[in-house]
Protein backbone atom coordinates (compact mmCIF):
# COMPACT_ATOMS: atom_id res chain seq x y z
CA MET A 1 31.07 -31.65 26.95
CA ASP A 2 33.27 -28.60 27.20
CA GLN A 3 32.98 -27.45 23.61
CA ASP A 4 30.42 -28.38 20.97
CA VAL A 5 29.74 -27.38 17.40
CA GLN A 6 26.26 -27.19 15.95
CA ILE A 7 25.75 -29.52 12.99
CA LYS A 8 22.65 -30.22 10.89
CA ILE A 9 22.20 -33.80 9.73
CA THR A 10 19.39 -34.98 7.48
CA ASP A 11 18.79 -38.67 8.12
CA ARG A 12 17.84 -41.30 5.53
CA ASP A 13 14.14 -40.62 6.13
CA GLY A 14 14.60 -36.94 5.26
CA LYS A 15 14.27 -35.71 8.85
CA LEU A 16 16.56 -32.82 9.84
CA HIS A 17 18.39 -33.09 13.16
CA GLU A 18 20.20 -30.12 14.70
CA ILE A 19 22.76 -31.57 17.06
CA ALA A 20 25.62 -30.47 19.28
CA ALA A 21 28.74 -32.46 18.38
CA PRO A 22 31.60 -32.48 20.90
CA VAL A 23 34.99 -31.36 19.60
CA ASP A 24 36.89 -32.54 22.67
CA MET A 25 36.37 -36.29 22.15
CA ALA A 26 38.23 -36.84 18.84
CA LEU A 27 35.06 -38.10 17.18
CA ASN A 28 34.38 -38.31 13.48
CA LEU A 29 31.04 -37.64 11.80
CA MET A 30 30.14 -41.34 11.53
CA GLU A 31 30.63 -41.73 15.29
CA VAL A 32 28.42 -38.69 15.96
CA VAL A 33 25.65 -40.18 13.79
CA ARG A 34 25.91 -43.40 15.81
CA LEU A 35 26.08 -41.50 19.13
CA TYR A 36 22.82 -39.69 18.35
CA GLU A 37 21.26 -42.85 16.81
CA LEU A 38 20.44 -41.07 13.54
CA ALA A 39 20.65 -44.32 11.56
CA PRO A 40 19.46 -47.80 12.54
CA GLU A 41 22.02 -49.90 14.42
CA GLY A 42 24.17 -51.92 12.04
CA THR A 43 23.56 -49.69 9.01
CA ILE A 44 26.31 -47.12 9.45
CA GLY A 45 29.99 -47.57 10.22
CA ILE A 46 29.93 -51.28 9.51
CA CYS A 47 33.72 -51.40 9.01
CA GLY A 48 34.32 -49.45 12.22
CA GLY A 49 35.49 -46.28 10.51
CA MET A 50 38.30 -47.72 8.41
CA ALA A 51 37.06 -46.31 5.04
CA MET A 52 36.35 -49.85 3.86
CA CYS A 53 32.56 -50.03 3.45
CA ALA A 54 30.93 -46.68 2.48
CA SER A 55 28.03 -47.31 4.88
CA CYS A 56 28.67 -43.84 6.36
CA GLN A 57 28.60 -42.06 3.01
CA CYS A 58 27.10 -38.60 3.29
CA TYR A 59 26.59 -35.55 1.13
CA VAL A 60 28.28 -32.38 2.38
CA LEU A 61 25.83 -29.53 1.79
CA THR A 62 27.96 -26.61 3.03
CA GLU A 63 31.40 -25.26 2.24
CA HIS A 64 33.66 -26.24 5.12
CA PRO A 65 37.42 -26.75 5.27
CA LEU A 66 37.40 -30.54 5.26
CA ARG A 67 40.54 -32.63 5.24
CA GLU A 68 41.46 -33.55 1.68
CA MET A 69 40.16 -36.92 0.54
CA GLN A 70 42.76 -39.67 0.93
CA ASP A 71 43.30 -42.53 -1.53
CA ASP A 72 41.40 -45.13 0.53
CA GLU A 73 38.32 -42.89 0.81
CA GLU A 74 38.43 -42.05 -2.88
CA ALA A 75 38.75 -45.75 -3.80
CA MET A 76 35.81 -46.72 -1.59
CA LEU A 77 33.57 -43.99 -3.03
CA SER A 78 34.50 -45.07 -6.58
CA GLU A 79 32.85 -48.44 -5.82
CA ALA A 80 29.89 -47.14 -3.79
CA PHE A 81 26.29 -46.54 -4.89
CA ASN A 82 24.49 -43.17 -4.92
CA VAL A 83 27.76 -41.22 -5.11
CA LYS A 84 27.52 -37.50 -5.86
CA PRO A 85 30.23 -34.86 -6.37
CA ASN A 86 29.79 -33.81 -2.71
CA SER A 87 30.00 -37.36 -1.30
CA ARG A 88 32.35 -38.07 1.59
CA LEU A 89 32.72 -40.88 4.10
CA GLY A 90 31.59 -39.67 7.52
CA CYS A 91 34.34 -41.70 9.18
CA GLN A 92 36.90 -39.50 7.45
CA ILE A 93 35.46 -36.17 8.67
CA GLN A 94 36.82 -35.25 12.09
CA ILE A 95 34.71 -33.06 14.36
CA THR A 96 36.71 -29.88 14.91
CA PRO A 97 35.76 -26.30 15.83
CA GLU A 98 35.84 -25.51 12.08
CA MET A 99 32.83 -27.83 11.60
CA GLU A 100 30.49 -25.26 13.22
CA GLY A 101 27.39 -24.99 11.01
CA LEU A 102 28.21 -28.06 8.89
CA GLU A 103 25.21 -29.49 7.08
CA ILE A 104 25.18 -33.03 5.73
CA GLU A 105 22.69 -35.55 4.42
CA LEU A 106 23.13 -39.27 4.95
CA ALA A 107 23.29 -41.18 1.66
CA PRO A 108 20.70 -43.92 1.06
CA GLU A 109 21.51 -47.29 2.56
CA ASP A 110 21.59 -49.20 -0.73
């Protein structure tokens, strides 16, 4: 891993994980959560990152320059449970150098 950004992720049990996320692998946040096994297998990224299931919903706790929400993400969040004003789908957040210091919390499973 040539370049990493430090990200803080609070899992669904309330445990804080400080991880190094690679920026050179074109990963999104959902894939990083799966890579570090921060959610039980089969409970996150069920649709494979296509913004079609909301299983990777998270709450963005810091102000970072995220890509603007697209129509498919907005539509999926409008049908999801436990949505907050700072909800995003992890599969729609690319890991870039600008994500340094990002803090998120995984939304409840149900």
